[in-house]
Structures are given as C-alpha cells and as structure tokens.
C-alpha atoms as a PDB file:
ATOM      1  CA  MET A   1      35.624 -32.058 -18.087  1.00  0.00           C
ATOM      2  CA  PRO A   2      33.068 -32.725 -20.817  1.00  0.00           C
ATOM      3  CA  SER A   3      30.161 -32.850 -18.348  1.00  0.00           C
ATOM      4  CA  SER A   4      30.942 -29.361 -17.072  1.00  0.00           C
ATOM      5  CA  ARG A   5      29.549 -27.686 -20.231  1.00  0.00           C
ATOM      6  CA  ALA A   6      26.063 -28.803 -19.153  1.00  0.00           C
ATOM      7  CA  LEU A   7      26.410 -26.726 -15.976  1.00  0.00           C
ATOM      8  CA  ILE A   8      26.572 -23.400 -17.747  1.00  0.00           C
ATOM      9  CA  ALA A   9      22.866 -22.917 -18.538  1.00  0.00           C
ATOM     10  CA  PRO A  10      21.473 -23.729 -15.070  1.00  0.00           C
ATOM     11  CA  ILE A  11      24.173 -21.702 -13.303  1.00  0.00           C
ATOM     12  CA  LYS A  12      23.563 -18.771 -15.614  1.00  0.00           C
ATOM     13  CA  ARG A  13      19.774 -18.858 -15.058  1.00  0.00           C
ATOM     14  CA  LEU A  14      20.186 -19.090 -11.287  1.00  0.00           C
ATOM     15  CA  SER A  15      22.775 -16.289 -11.203  1.00  0.00           C
ATOM     16  CA  GLU A  16      20.492 -14.015 -13.214  1.00  0.00           C
ATOM     17  CA  GLN A  17      17.568 -14.759 -10.891  1.00  0.00           C
ATOM     18  CA  MET A  18      19.686 -14.103  -7.828  1.00  0.00           C
ATOM     19  CA  ARG A  19      20.981 -10.788  -9.165  1.00  0.00           C
ATOM     20  CA  ALA A  20      17.432  -9.696 -10.035  1.00  0.00           C
ATOM     21  CA  ALA A  21      16.393 -10.531  -6.451  1.00  0.00           C
ATOM     22  CA  ALA A  22      19.378  -8.612  -5.011  1.00  0.00           C
ATOM     23  CA  MET A  23      20.891 -11.861  -3.736  1.00  0.00           C
ATOM     24  CA  PRO A  24      24.693 -11.999  -3.861  1.00  0.00           C
ATOM     25  CA  VAL A  25      26.459 -14.157  -6.430  1.00  0.00           C
ATOM     26  CA  ILE A  26      29.848 -15.322  -5.217  1.00  0.00           C
ATOM     27  CA  TYR A  27      32.516 -16.949  -7.368  1.00  0.00           C
ATOM     28  CA  LEU A  28      35.412 -18.998  -6.036  1.00  0.00           C
ATOM     29  CA  ARG A  29      38.610 -19.225  -8.068  1.00  0.00           C
ATOM     30  CA  HIS A  30      41.536 -21.516  -7.358  1.00  0.00           C
ATOM     31  CA  VAL A  31      44.533 -19.177  -7.597  1.00  0.00           C
ATOM     32  CA  VAL A  32      48.162 -19.315  -6.454  1.00  0.00           C
ATOM     33  CA  TRP A  33      50.943 -16.779  -6.879  1.00  0.00           C
ATOM     34  CA  GLY A  34      52.802 -19.118  -9.254  1.00  0.00           C
ATOM     35  CA  ASP A  35      56.195 -18.807  -7.589  1.00  0.00           C
ATOM     36  CA  GLY A  36      55.755 -21.742  -5.191  1.00  0.00           C
ATOM     37  CA  SER A  37      55.361 -19.528  -2.134  1.00  0.00           C
ATOM     38  CA  ASP A  38      51.763 -20.534  -1.445  1.00  0.00           C
ATOM     39  CA  THR A  39      51.196 -23.978  -2.957  1.00  0.00           C
ATOM     40  CA  GLY A  40      52.547 -25.999  -0.024  1.00  0.00           C
ATOM     41  CA  ARG A  41      51.297 -29.609   0.096  1.00  0.00           C
ATOM     42  CA  PHE A  42      49.070 -28.937  -2.901  1.00  0.00           C
ATOM     43  CA  ARG A  43      52.198 -29.232  -5.052  1.00  0.00           C
ATOM     44  CA  ASP A  44      52.637 -32.816  -3.774  1.00  0.00           C
ATOM     45  CA  LEU A  45      49.283 -33.700  -5.322  1.00  0.00           C
ATOM     46  CA  TYR A  46      49.649 -31.525  -8.416  1.00  0.00           C
ATOM     47  CA  PRO A  47      53.328 -31.020  -9.312  1.00  0.00           C
ATOM     48  CA  ASP A  48      52.392 -28.422 -11.953  1.00  0.00           C
ATOM     49  CA  ALA A  49      50.160 -26.435  -9.546  1.00  0.00           C
ATOM     50  CA  ASP A  50      52.411 -23.375  -9.646  1.00  0.00           C
ATOM     51  CA  ALA A  51      51.767 -23.028 -13.384  1.00  0.00           C
ATOM     52  CA  GLN A  52      48.283 -24.557 -13.615  1.00  0.00           C
ATOM     53  CA  PHE A  53      46.715 -22.323 -10.937  1.00  0.00           C
ATOM     54  CA  ALA A  54      49.006 -19.298 -11.305  1.00  0.00           C
ATOM     55  CA  ARG A  55      47.480 -15.850 -11.124  1.00  0.00           C
ATOM     56  CA  SER A  56      49.029 -15.209 -14.544  1.00  0.00           C
ATOM     57  CA  ASN A  57      47.315 -18.234 -16.166  1.00  0.00           C
ATOM     58  CA  PRO A  58      44.150 -17.140 -18.032  1.00  0.00           C
ATOM     59  CA  ALA A  59      42.641 -20.590 -17.351  1.00  0.00           C
ATOM     60  CA  ILE A  60      41.958 -19.626 -13.705  1.00  0.00           C
ATOM     61  CA  GLU A  61      39.422 -17.025 -14.788  1.00  0.00           C
ATOM     62  CA  VAL A  62      35.684 -17.617 -14.696  1.00  0.00           C
ATOM     63  CA  ILE A  63      34.545 -18.821 -18.122  1.00  0.00           C
ATOM     64  CA  ASP A  64      33.159 -16.210 -20.502  1.00  0.00           C
ATOM     65  CA  GLU A  65      29.559 -17.478 -20.311  1.00  0.00           C
ATOM     66  CA  LEU A  66      29.490 -17.007 -16.520  1.00  0.00           C
ATOM     67  CA  GLN A  67      31.594 -13.867 -16.121  1.00  0.00           C
ATOM     68  CA  PRO A  68      31.053 -12.001 -12.843  1.00  0.00           C
ATOM     69  CA  GLN A  69      28.822  -8.948 -13.187  1.00  0.00           C
ATOM     70  CA  ASP A  70      28.955  -5.646 -11.313  1.00  0.00           C
ATOM     71  CA  GLY A  71      28.233  -6.344  -7.660  1.00  0.00           C
ATOM     72  CA  ASP A  72      29.238 -10.014  -7.799  1.00  0.00           C
ATOM     73  CA  ILE A  73      31.967 -11.154  -5.423  1.00  0.00           C
ATOM     74  CA  VAL A  74      35.072 -13.098  -6.437  1.00  0.00           C
ATOM     75  CA  VAL A  75      37.007 -14.954  -3.738  1.00  0.00           C
ATOM     76  CA  ASP A  76      40.383 -16.503  -4.504  1.00  0.00           C
ATOM     77  CA  LYS A  77      41.231 -19.737  -2.714  1.00  0.00           C
ATOM     78  CA  LEU A  78      44.492 -21.649  -2.412  1.00  0.00           C
ATOM     79  CA  PHE A  79      43.100 -25.138  -1.919  1.00  0.00           C
ATOM     80  CA  TYR A  80      39.850 -27.045  -2.264  1.00  0.00           C
ATOM     81  CA  SER A  81      37.606 -25.292   0.249  1.00  0.00           C
ATOM     82  CA  GLY A  82      36.184 -21.854  -0.378  1.00  0.00           C
ATOM     83  CA  PHE A  83      36.571 -21.205   3.350  1.00  0.00           C
ATOM     84  CA  HIS A  84      40.169 -22.290   3.955  1.00  0.00           C
ATOM     85  CA  ASN A  85      42.342 -19.175   4.425  1.00  0.00           C
ATOM     86  CA  THR A  86      39.909 -16.938   2.504  1.00  0.00           C
ATOM     87  CA  ASP A  87      37.606 -14.059   3.424  1.00  0.00           C
ATOM     88  CA  LEU A  88      34.486 -16.034   2.458  1.00  0.00           C
ATOM     89  CA  ASP A  89      33.235 -16.532   6.017  1.00  0.00           C
ATOM     90  CA  ILE A  90      33.729 -12.837   6.845  1.00  0.00           C
ATOM     91  CA  ILE A  91      31.967 -11.760   3.638  1.00  0.00           C
ATOM     92  CA  LEU A  92      28.984 -14.021   4.360  1.00  0.00           C
ATOM     93  CA  ARG A  93      28.662 -12.914   7.975  1.00  0.00           C
ATOM     94  CA  MET A  94      28.950  -9.224   7.052  1.00  0.00           C
ATOM     95  CA  LYS A  95      26.089  -9.712   4.592  1.00  0.00           C
ATOM     96  CA  ASP A  96      24.089 -11.741   7.138  1.00  0.00           C
ATOM     97  CA  ILE A  97      23.984 -14.740   4.792  1.00  0.00           C
ATOM     98  CA  ASP A  98      23.167 -18.090   6.390  1.00  0.00           C
ATOM     99  CA  THR A  99      22.533 -20.253   3.310  1.00  0.00           C
ATOM    100  CA  LEU A 100      24.965 -21.133   0.542  1.00  0.00           C
ATOM    101  CA  ILE A 101      24.147 -22.661  -2.825  1.00  0.00           C
ATOM    102  CA  VAL A 102      27.092 -24.681  -4.123  1.00  0.00           C
ATOM    103  CA  CYS A 103      27.586 -25.347  -7.804  1.00  0.00           C
ATOM    104  CA  GLY A 104      30.506 -25.866 -10.144  1.00  0.00           C
ATOM    105  CA  THR A 105      33.359 -28.318 -10.374  1.00  0.00           C
ATOM    106  CA  VAL A 106      34.573 -30.689  -9.099  1.00  0.00           C
ATOM    107  CA  THR A 107      31.573 -32.051  -7.147  1.00  0.00           C
ATOM    108  CA  ASN A 108      33.455 -34.389  -4.831  1.00  0.00           C
ATOM    109  CA  VAL A 109      36.510 -32.173  -4.390  1.00  0.00           C
ATOM    110  CA  CYS A 110      36.075 -28.390  -4.191  1.00  0.00           C
ATOM    111  CA  CYS A 111      32.277 -28.381  -3.978  1.00  0.00           C
ATOM    112  CA  GLU A 112      32.027 -31.074  -1.320  1.00  0.00           C
ATOM    113  CA  THR A 113      34.952 -29.665   0.683  1.00  0.00           C
ATOM    114  CA  THR A 114      33.322 -26.234   0.690  1.00  0.00           C
ATOM    115  CA  MET A 115      30.033 -27.838   1.797  1.00  0.00           C
ATOM    116  CA  ARG A 116      31.780 -29.671   4.620  1.00  0.00           C
ATOM    117  CA  ASP A 117      33.500 -26.511   5.800  1.00  0.00           C
ATOM    118  CA  GLY A 118      30.292 -24.496   5.467  1.00  0.00           C
ATOM    119  CA  VAL A 119      28.176 -26.849   7.561  1.00  0.00           C
ATOM    120  CA  HIS A 120      30.948 -26.882  10.200  1.00  0.00           C
ATOM    121  CA  ARG A 121      30.544 -23.098  10.342  1.00  0.00           C
ATOM    122  CA  GLU A 122      26.756 -23.446  10.802  1.00  0.00           C
ATOM    123  CA  TYR A 123      25.711 -22.426   7.297  1.00  0.00           C
ATOM    124  CA  ARG A 124      22.774 -24.098   5.600  1.00  0.00           C
ATOM    125  CA  MET A 125      24.289 -25.770   2.551  1.00  0.00           C
ATOM    126  CA  ILE A 126      22.519 -26.590  -0.709  1.00  0.00           C
ATOM    127  CA  ALA A 127      24.179 -28.414  -3.620  1.00  0.00           C
ATOM    128  CA  LEU A 128      22.641 -28.398  -7.068  1.00  0.00           C
ATOM    129  CA  SER A 129      22.517 -31.838  -8.667  1.00  0.00           C
ATOM    130  CA  ASP A 130      22.359 -30.448 -12.201  1.00  0.00           C
ATOM    131  CA  ALA A 131      24.876 -27.644 -11.643  1.00  0.00           C
ATOM    132  CA  ASN A 132      27.802 -29.634 -10.235  1.00  0.00           C
ATOM    133  CA  ALA A 133      30.062 -31.942 -12.207  1.00  0.00           C
ATOM    134  CA  ALA A 134      32.446 -34.688 -11.175  1.00  0.00           C
ATOM    135  CA  MET A 135      35.370 -36.114 -13.071  1.00  0.00           C
ATOM    136  CA  PRO A 136      36.268 -39.743 -13.755  1.00  0.00           C
ATOM    137  CA  TYR A 137      39.161 -41.326 -11.886  1.00  0.00           C
ATOM    138  CA  LEU A 138      41.840 -43.587 -13.280  1.00  0.00           C
ATOM    139  CA  ASP A 139      42.603 -46.879 -11.581  1.00  0.00           C
ATOM    140  CA  MET A 140      44.539 -46.009  -8.432  1.00  0.00           C
ATOM    141  CA  GLY A 141      44.587 -49.662  -7.388  1.00  0.00           C
ATOM    142  CA  PHE A 142      40.834 -49.953  -6.816  1.00  0.00           C
ATOM    143  CA  GLY A 143      39.538 -49.859 -10.386  1.00  0.00           C
ATOM    144  CA  GLU A 144      38.497 -46.981 -12.610  1.00  0.00           C
ATOM    145  CA  VAL A 145      35.535 -44.884 -11.483  1.00  0.00           C
ATOM    146  CA  SER A 146      33.310 -43.083 -13.982  1.00  0.00           C
ATOM    147  CA  ALA A 147      32.261 -39.454 -13.546  1.00  0.00           C
ATOM    148  CA  ASP A 148      28.632 -40.605 -13.211  1.00  0.00           C
ATOM    149  CA  GLU A 149      29.549 -42.960 -10.349  1.00  0.00           C
ATOM    150  CA  VAL A 150      31.567 -40.261  -8.594  1.00  0.00           C
ATOM    151  CA  GLN A 151      28.704 -37.769  -9.035  1.00  0.00           C
ATOM    152  CA  ARG A 152      26.102 -40.162  -7.645  1.00  0.00           C
ATOM    153  CA  ILE A 153      28.188 -41.049  -4.609  1.00  0.00           C
ATOM    154  CA  ALA A 154      29.256 -37.453  -3.911  1.00  0.00           C
ATOM    155  CA  LEU A 155      25.696 -36.094  -4.123  1.00  0.00           C
ATOM    156  CA  THR A 156      24.441 -38.932  -1.924  1.00  0.00           C
ATOM    157  CA  ALA A 157      27.100 -38.211   0.710  1.00  0.00           C
ATOM    158  CA  MET A 158      26.368 -34.475   0.544  1.00  0.00           C
ATOM    159  CA  ALA A 159      22.630 -35.050   1.002  1.00  0.00           C
ATOM    160  CA  TYR A 160      23.139 -37.483   3.856  1.00  0.00           C
ATOM    161  CA  GLU A 161      25.882 -35.659   5.742  1.00  0.00           C
ATOM    162  CA  PHE A 162      26.252 -31.991   4.832  1.00  0.00           C
ATOM    163  CA  GLY A 163      23.126 -30.356   3.500  1.00  0.00           C
ATOM    164  CA  GLU A 164      20.430 -30.457   0.902  1.00  0.00           C
ATOM    165  CA  VAL A 165      20.767 -31.606  -2.683  1.00  0.00           C
ATOM    166  CA  THR A 166      18.186 -30.443  -5.196  1.00  0.00           C
ATOM    167  CA  ASP A 167      18.068 -29.351  -8.813  1.00  0.00           C
ATOM    168  CA  THR A 168      18.231 -25.801 -10.122  1.00  0.00           C
ATOM    169  CA  ALA A 169      14.592 -25.628 -11.264  1.00  0.00           C
ATOM    170  CA  ASN A 170      13.347 -26.613  -7.795  1.00  0.00           C
ATOM    171  CA  LEU A 171      15.563 -24.065  -6.073  1.00  0.00           C
ATOM    172  CA  MET A 172      14.623 -21.284  -8.490  1.00  0.00           C
ATOM    173  CA  GLN A 173      10.928 -21.995  -7.900  1.00  0.00           C
ATOM    174  CA  ARG A 174      11.478 -21.836  -4.147  1.00  0.00           C
ATOM    175  CA  ILE A 175      13.271 -18.494  -4.514  1.00  0.00           C
ATOM    176  CA  ASP A 176      10.377 -17.170  -6.635  1.00  0.00           C
ATOM    177  CA  ASN A 177       7.856 -18.388  -4.053  1.00  0.00           C
ATOM    178  CA  ALA A 178       9.768 -16.770  -1.199  1.00  0.00           C
ATOM    179  CA  LEU A 179      10.035 -13.456  -3.039  1.00  0.00           C
ATOM    180  CA  ASN A 180       6.344 -13.468  -3.982  1.00  0.00           C
ATOM    181  CA  ASN A 181       5.302 -14.160  -0.372  1.00  0.00           C
ATOM    182  CA  LYS A 182       7.175 -11.179   1.071  1.00  0.00           C
END
C-alpha cells in the first residue's frame, strides 16, 4: 500500500518515546504455518494465504525501519484480530496494561478488528489517525472505494464505537505530560 510508507516516521517516533519511558512496544504479525493446517476459513478469502502469510515468507516480518528492539514483544496472529487465539490478552494483563495504542495496516481490517476485540475485553483503545493506513477496494458490486474514503469511514467508526482516535503528536505530548507530572 503506497500510503503505508507515511506511517513509518510517526510509528518510529512513538515507539522510541515509549521505549524511553519503559512502556512496552508490541508488534502483531500475521503468520500461518504455510501447510494449510491453520488457515481455515481465511483461505476462502485469500486462496494464497498459505504462501502469502507463511512463517517461511520473509514478507511477514516487521519492516526494517520498524524492527523490534530488545524488550519489545512480538505476537503472531492467525487472522485479523491481535486477540483471536493469541497470547495478547494474557501478556497485557500480566503487565497490568489497560490502554492499547493501535497503529499499522490495514485500518479497517486488522486495526479495527483488534480495536473491537480490545474494547470488548475492557481495554481503553486509541487509534492513531496518522499512523494507520487503509487500502482501496475494487468494485465488488457497490462501486470502487478509495483508500482515503475507507480511512475516513474506518476512523469515524472507531472514534464513535470503539475508542479514541487522535494523531501521533497529540498522543506523544500527552505521554510527555503524564511522565513529567509523576
């Protein structure tokens, strides 16, 4: 997705700030075994899922610019949500974390599904408007939809239904303020 390159700088700045403040940075990767044993219904939607998301495919790795650092946590997921059949909820509860900041791709798919699942588990959810990216959709019988339209609608739904939506600069300032007032 062309718009995803713009996410790198704000995510990198936020991750660096969080590490400096001893706040955990958690990465979610979409990974399957690649032999068809764990793709289930996902293969109906993406017939090449066994190859595209295979553990052996280098494309599933976090991009070089945002590589996990020592102490960061990487959680592998089989489907859209970071919570579905993963250890994410256990990890968060063990670390006494009650707020999640969601960024990455695809805004209205993995990011929004993780937000939905998080709010259902009583987490405070925050999505970053400038650190999430949507993709355009081809005409599926309802007309083409641009990435900008998808992004606008997804962020609006997230803000109305599942949590807070703000930009990275605002959130980073709030983190700084909270740390300085301790």
